[in-house]
Amino acid sequence: MAKAVEAFRTISEVASDLDVPKHVLRFWEAKFPQIRPMKRGGGRRYYRPEDMELLKGIRRLLHAEGYTIKGVQKILREQGVDQVKTFAHLASQDKSKTRGKAKADGVAGAQLSAAAAAAPAGKAQTGKARGAEPVVSLESLLRKTVVELEACRRLLLGESEAVGTAAPAPSARAARRG
């Protein structure tokens, strides 16, 4: 029988639900003072539903969106806990959307997450450089990625990018070989 949504959860249940090890949850408690599970005798932790939402949001920002711990701390400090909790809802929406689509397209969920962390043209968006920038929707990132891949394909095949544009000049390395 499944627990009610408003029921408290043990660290094992939370770790299983979020798919992270228990030691990671303890580490996050040290890094994010906003995570405050109830502690009973012997130090046993019980997570409230609000704690679960916050943890889901933190997990999404760190794992799917590519933020660093400092970046998430900055969001919590500047925008508040509620902003991070909104990412928990995005995570549940993405799970339901990508489950069927990922299977149909033959794309693993991890690859979709990697695409979400991909840099839009002209901006450095690695986890460390990104900090607390606003998150771009997964759909728009995938569209940009497809456009970039098509441009790369044209370059590799020696096709021009636009009508009337000459094919790119061979690189110095290719010129030395040929």
C-alpha atoms as a PDB file:
ATOM      1  CA  MET A   1       0.000   0.000   0.000  1.00  0.00           C
ATOM      2  CA  ALA A   2       1.439   3.390  -0.990  1.00  0.00           C
ATOM      3  CA  LYS A   3       1.791   6.213   1.521  1.00  0.00           C
ATOM      4  CA  ALA A   4      -0.447   9.231   1.398  1.00  0.00           C
ATOM      5  CA  VAL A   5       1.006  12.322  -0.261  1.00  0.00           C
ATOM      6  CA  GLU A   6       1.011  14.217   3.048  1.00  0.00           C
ATOM      7  CA  ALA A   7       2.764  11.393   4.957  1.00  0.00           C
ATOM      8  CA  PHE A   8       6.305  11.826   6.243  1.00  0.00           C
ATOM      9  CA  ARG A   9       9.022   9.825   4.506  1.00  0.00           C
ATOM     10  CA  THR A  10      12.185   8.194   5.812  1.00  0.00           C
ATOM     11  CA  ILE A  11      15.545   8.903   4.228  1.00  0.00           C
ATOM     12  CA  SER A  12      15.428   5.501   2.503  1.00  0.00           C
ATOM     13  CA  GLU A  13      12.068   6.286   0.920  1.00  0.00           C
ATOM     14  CA  VAL A  14      13.236   9.727  -0.192  1.00  0.00           C
ATOM     15  CA  ALA A  15      16.482   8.338  -1.611  1.00  0.00           C
ATOM     16  CA  SER A  16      14.535   5.720  -3.539  1.00  0.00           C
ATOM     17  CA  ASP A  17      11.958   8.236  -4.793  1.00  0.00           C
ATOM     18  CA  LEU A  18      14.613  10.721  -5.970  1.00  0.00           C
ATOM     19  CA  ASP A  19      16.981   8.020  -7.204  1.00  0.00           C
ATOM     20  CA  VAL A  20      19.934   9.382  -5.227  1.00  0.00           C
ATOM     21  CA  PRO A  21      21.971   7.689  -2.484  1.00  0.00           C
ATOM     22  CA  LYS A  22      21.179   8.485   1.155  1.00  0.00           C
ATOM     23  CA  HIS A  23      24.596  10.087   1.674  1.00  0.00           C
ATOM     24  CA  VAL A  24      23.767  12.614  -1.056  1.00  0.00           C
ATOM     25  CA  LEU A  25      20.648  13.670   0.860  1.00  0.00           C
ATOM     26  CA  ARG A  26      22.736  14.144   4.006  1.00  0.00           C
ATOM     27  CA  PHE A  27      25.265  16.169   1.990  1.00  0.00           C
ATOM     28  CA  TRP A  28      22.492  18.366   0.563  1.00  0.00           C
ATOM     29  CA  GLU A  29      21.231  18.988   4.118  1.00  0.00           C
ATOM     30  CA  ALA A  30      24.677  20.373   4.958  1.00  0.00           C
ATOM     31  CA  LYS A  31      24.810  22.548   1.816  1.00  0.00           C
ATOM     32  CA  PHE A  32      21.206  23.751   1.822  1.00  0.00           C
ATOM     33  CA  PRO A  33      20.017  24.846   5.284  1.00  0.00           C
ATOM     34  CA  GLN A  34      16.490  25.163   3.857  1.00  0.00           C
ATOM     35  CA  ILE A  35      16.244  21.351   3.964  1.00  0.00           C
ATOM     36  CA  ARG A  36      15.184  20.622   7.523  1.00  0.00           C
ATOM     37  CA  PRO A  37      13.753  17.141   8.042  1.00  0.00           C
ATOM     38  CA  MET A  38      12.333  16.316  11.437  1.00  0.00           C
ATOM     39  CA  LYS A  39      14.725  14.245  13.514  1.00  0.00           C
ATOM     40  CA  ARG A  40      13.501  11.741  16.050  1.00  0.00           C
ATOM     41  CA  GLY A  41      15.340   9.683  18.618  1.00  0.00           C
ATOM     42  CA  GLY A  42      18.647   8.335  17.380  1.00  0.00           C
ATOM     43  CA  GLY A  43      18.789  10.997  14.655  1.00  0.00           C
ATOM     44  CA  ARG A  44      16.281   9.260  12.387  1.00  0.00           C
ATOM     45  CA  ARG A  45      15.106  11.688   9.684  1.00  0.00           C
ATOM     46  CA  TYR A  46      11.517  12.193   8.583  1.00  0.00           C
ATOM     47  CA  TYR A  47      10.932  14.348   5.508  1.00  0.00           C
ATOM     48  CA  ARG A  48       7.753  16.413   5.204  1.00  0.00           C
ATOM     49  CA  PRO A  49       5.992  16.853   1.833  1.00  0.00           C
ATOM     50  CA  GLU A  50       7.489  20.399   1.618  1.00  0.00           C
ATOM     51  CA  ASP A  51      10.965  18.908   2.105  1.00  0.00           C
ATOM     52  CA  MET A  52      10.239  16.441  -0.698  1.00  0.00           C
ATOM     53  CA  GLU A  53       9.229  19.241  -3.080  1.00  0.00           C
ATOM     54  CA  LEU A  54      12.367  21.197  -2.261  1.00  0.00           C
ATOM     55  CA  LEU A  55      14.573  18.121  -2.695  1.00  0.00           C
ATOM     56  CA  LYS A  56      12.954  17.315  -6.053  1.00  0.00           C
ATOM     57  CA  GLY A  57      13.574  20.889  -7.201  1.00  0.00           C
ATOM     58  CA  ILE A  58      17.199  20.792  -6.041  1.00  0.00           C
ATOM     59  CA  ARG A  59      17.724  17.436  -7.749  1.00  0.00           C
ATOM     60  CA  ARG A  60      16.279  18.763 -11.012  1.00  0.00           C
ATOM     61  CA  LEU A  61      18.467  21.870 -10.935  1.00  0.00           C
ATOM     62  CA  LEU A  62      21.626  19.916 -10.144  1.00  0.00           C
ATOM     63  CA  HIS A  63      21.121  16.832 -12.297  1.00  0.00           C
ATOM     64  CA  ALA A  64      18.907  17.855 -15.219  1.00  0.00           C
ATOM     65  CA  GLU A  65      19.553  21.565 -15.586  1.00  0.00           C
ATOM     66  CA  GLY A  66      23.304  21.492 -14.929  1.00  0.00           C
ATOM     67  CA  TYR A  67      23.453  23.979 -12.059  1.00  0.00           C
ATOM     68  CA  THR A  68      26.238  23.835  -9.502  1.00  0.00           C
ATOM     69  CA  ILE A  69      25.598  23.723  -5.780  1.00  0.00           C
ATOM     70  CA  LYS A  70      26.603  27.384  -5.576  1.00  0.00           C
ATOM     71  CA  GLY A  71      24.159  28.199  -8.374  1.00  0.00           C
ATOM     72  CA  VAL A  72      21.282  26.507  -6.539  1.00  0.00           C
ATOM     73  CA  GLN A  73      22.311  28.229  -3.295  1.00  0.00           C
ATOM     74  CA  LYS A  74      22.169  31.545  -5.144  1.00  0.00           C
ATOM     75  CA  ILE A  75      18.653  30.806  -6.425  1.00  0.00           C
ATOM     76  CA  LEU A  76      17.535  29.861  -2.922  1.00  0.00           C
ATOM     77  CA  ARG A  77      19.093  33.012  -1.472  1.00  0.00           C
ATOM     78  CA  GLU A  78      17.834  35.447  -4.138  1.00  0.00           C
ATOM     79  CA  GLN A  79      14.561  33.928  -5.327  1.00  0.00           C
ATOM     80  CA  GLY A  80      13.531  31.762  -2.396  1.00  0.00           C
ATOM     81  CA  VAL A  81      12.481  28.216  -1.677  1.00  0.00           C
ATOM     82  CA  ASP A  82       9.250  28.503  -3.673  1.00  0.00           C
ATOM     83  CA  GLN A  83      11.192  29.155  -6.882  1.00  0.00           C
ATOM     84  CA  VAL A  84      13.194  25.942  -6.405  1.00  0.00           C
ATOM     85  CA  LYS A  85      10.008  24.029  -5.593  1.00  0.00           C
ATOM     86  CA  THR A  86       8.607  25.020  -8.992  1.00  0.00           C
ATOM     87  CA  PHE A  87      11.342  22.886 -10.548  1.00  0.00           C
ATOM     88  CA  ALA A  88       9.936  19.880  -8.675  1.00  0.00           C
ATOM     89  CA  HIS A  89       6.723  20.295 -10.669  1.00  0.00           C
ATOM     90  CA  LEU A  90       8.704  20.619 -13.906  1.00  0.00           C
ATOM     91  CA  ALA A  91      10.519  17.394 -13.088  1.00  0.00           C
ATOM     92  CA  SER A  92       7.257  15.487 -12.681  1.00  0.00           C
ATOM     93  CA  GLN A  93       5.863  16.984 -15.917  1.00  0.00           C
ATOM     94  CA  ASP A  94       9.032  16.128 -17.831  1.00  0.00           C
ATOM     95  CA  LYS A  95       8.955  12.559 -16.533  1.00  0.00           C
ATOM     96  CA  SER A  96       5.467  11.981 -17.861  1.00  0.00           C
ATOM     97  CA  LYS A  97       6.207  13.700 -21.196  1.00  0.00           C
ATOM     98  CA  THR A  98       9.590  12.130 -21.858  1.00  0.00           C
ATOM     99  CA  ARG A  99       8.724   8.582 -20.817  1.00  0.00           C
ATOM    100  CA  GLY A 100       6.607   7.873 -23.879  1.00  0.00           C
ATOM    101  CA  LYS A 101       8.502  10.181 -26.208  1.00  0.00           C
ATOM    102  CA  ALA A 102      11.933   8.868 -25.204  1.00  0.00           C
ATOM    103  CA  LYS A 103      10.836   5.306 -25.856  1.00  0.00           C
ATOM    104  CA  ALA A 104       9.252   6.236 -29.184  1.00  0.00           C
ATOM    105  CA  ASP A 105      12.283   8.218 -30.323  1.00  0.00           C
ATOM    106  CA  GLY A 106      14.788   5.764 -28.928  1.00  0.00           C
ATOM    107  CA  VAL A 107      16.311   8.517 -26.798  1.00  0.00           C
ATOM    108  CA  ALA A 108      17.215   7.814 -23.184  1.00  0.00           C
ATOM    109  CA  GLY A 109      16.071  10.229 -20.490  1.00  0.00           C
ATOM    110  CA  ALA A 110      19.704  10.959 -19.650  1.00  0.00           C
ATOM    111  CA  GLN A 111      20.275  12.180 -23.196  1.00  0.00           C
ATOM    112  CA  LEU A 112      17.315  14.532 -22.891  1.00  0.00           C
ATOM    113  CA  SER A 113      18.774  15.861 -19.652  1.00  0.00           C
ATOM    114  CA  ALA A 114      22.114  16.379 -21.379  1.00  0.00           C
ATOM    115  CA  ALA A 115      20.345  18.333 -24.107  1.00  0.00           C
ATOM    116  CA  ALA A 116      18.762  20.537 -21.438  1.00  0.00           C
ATOM    117  CA  ALA A 117      22.227  21.435 -20.203  1.00  0.00           C
ATOM    118  CA  ALA A 118      23.461  22.161 -23.747  1.00  0.00           C
ATOM    119  CA  ALA A 119      24.572  25.714 -24.424  1.00  0.00           C
ATOM    120  CA  PRO A 120      22.407  27.983 -26.537  1.00  0.00           C
ATOM    121  CA  ALA A 121      24.326  29.726 -29.313  1.00  0.00           C
ATOM    122  CA  GLY A 122      26.657  32.427 -28.033  1.00  0.00           C
ATOM    123  CA  LYS A 123      26.364  31.714 -24.305  1.00  0.00           C
ATOM    124  CA  ALA A 124      28.581  29.619 -22.087  1.00  0.00           C
ATOM    125  CA  GLN A 125      26.224  27.461 -20.074  1.00  0.00           C
ATOM    126  CA  THR A 126      28.332  24.785 -18.476  1.00  0.00           C
ATOM    127  CA  GLY A 127      27.375  23.967 -14.905  1.00  0.00           C
ATOM    128  CA  LYS A 128      30.076  26.187 -13.418  1.00  0.00           C
ATOM    129  CA  ALA A 129      29.720  29.163 -15.763  1.00  0.00           C
ATOM    130  CA  ARG A 130      25.957  29.129 -15.651  1.00  0.00           C
ATOM    131  CA  GLY A 131      25.295  30.024 -12.026  1.00  0.00           C
ATOM    132  CA  ALA A 132      21.669  31.067 -11.590  1.00  0.00           C
ATOM    133  CA  GLU A 133      20.669  32.042 -15.123  1.00  0.00           C
ATOM    134  CA  PRO A 134      17.051  31.476 -16.109  1.00  0.00           C
ATOM    135  CA  VAL A 135      16.311  28.027 -17.455  1.00  0.00           C
ATOM    136  CA  VAL A 136      15.342  27.646 -21.113  1.00  0.00           C
ATOM    137  CA  SER A 137      12.566  25.180 -21.909  1.00  0.00           C
ATOM    138  CA  LEU A 138      13.614  21.687 -22.869  1.00  0.00           C
ATOM    139  CA  GLU A 139      11.633  21.885 -26.115  1.00  0.00           C
ATOM    140  CA  SER A 140      13.413  25.040 -27.304  1.00  0.00           C
ATOM    141  CA  LEU A 141      16.798  23.567 -26.400  1.00  0.00           C
ATOM    142  CA  LEU A 142      16.012  20.431 -28.381  1.00  0.00           C
ATOM    143  CA  ARG A 143      14.967  22.524 -31.388  1.00  0.00           C
ATOM    144  CA  LYS A 144      18.222  24.512 -31.217  1.00  0.00           C
ATOM    145  CA  THR A 145      20.206  21.303 -30.870  1.00  0.00           C
ATOM    146  CA  VAL A 146      18.550  19.813 -33.959  1.00  0.00           C
ATOM    147  CA  VAL A 147      19.310  22.977 -35.967  1.00  0.00           C
ATOM    148  CA  GLU A 148      22.938  22.886 -34.828  1.00  0.00           C
ATOM    149  CA  LEU A 149      23.239  19.184 -35.685  1.00  0.00           C
ATOM    150  CA  GLU A 150      21.799  19.798 -39.145  1.00  0.00           C
ATOM    151  CA  ALA A 151      24.327  22.605 -39.694  1.00  0.00           C
ATOM    152  CA  CYS A 152      27.143  20.286 -38.574  1.00  0.00           C
ATOM    153  CA  ARG A 153      25.895  17.607 -40.962  1.00  0.00           C
ATOM    154  CA  ARG A 154      25.925  20.069 -43.851  1.00  0.00           C
ATOM    155  CA  LEU A 155      29.457  21.144 -42.946  1.00  0.00           C
ATOM    156  CA  LEU A 156      30.670  17.561 -42.797  1.00  0.00           C
ATOM    157  CA  LEU A 157      29.088  16.747 -46.138  1.00  0.00           C
ATOM    158  CA  GLY A 158      30.513  19.919 -47.676  1.00  0.00           C
ATOM    159  CA  GLU A 159      27.116  21.375 -48.427  1.00  0.00           C
ATOM    160  CA  SER A 160      26.515  25.104 -48.186  1.00  0.00           C
ATOM    161  CA  GLU A 161      24.333  26.395 -45.350  1.00  0.00           C
ATOM    162  CA  ALA A 162      22.226  28.693 -47.494  1.00  0.00           C
ATOM    163  CA  VAL A 163      21.399  28.964 -51.174  1.00  0.00           C
ATOM    164  CA  GLY A 164      24.118  30.950 -52.968  1.00  0.00           C
ATOM    165  CA  THR A 165      26.654  30.481 -50.171  1.00  0.00           C
ATOM    166  CA  ALA A 166      29.841  28.698 -51.055  1.00  0.00           C
ATOM    167  CA  ALA A 167      30.833  25.579 -49.183  1.00  0.00           C
ATOM    168  CA  PRO A 168      33.144  26.259 -46.265  1.00  0.00           C
ATOM    169  CA  ALA A 169      36.821  26.485 -47.086  1.00  0.00           C
ATOM    170  CA  PRO A 170      38.831  23.411 -46.152  1.00  0.00           C
ATOM    171  CA  SER A 171      40.747  23.689 -42.911  1.00  0.00           C
ATOM    172  CA  ALA A 172      44.503  24.088 -42.905  1.00  0.00           C
ATOM    173  CA  ARG A 173      44.839  20.536 -41.682  1.00  0.00           C
ATOM    174  CA  ALA A 174      42.746  19.177 -44.568  1.00  0.00           C
ATOM    175  CA  ALA A 175      44.764  21.278 -47.024  1.00  0.00           C
ATOM    176  CA  ARG A 176      48.027  19.761 -45.738  1.00  0.00           C
ATOM    177  CA  ARG A 177      46.652  16.243 -46.135  1.00  0.00           C
ATOM    178  CA  GLY A 178      45.367  16.785 -49.651  1.00  0.00           C
END
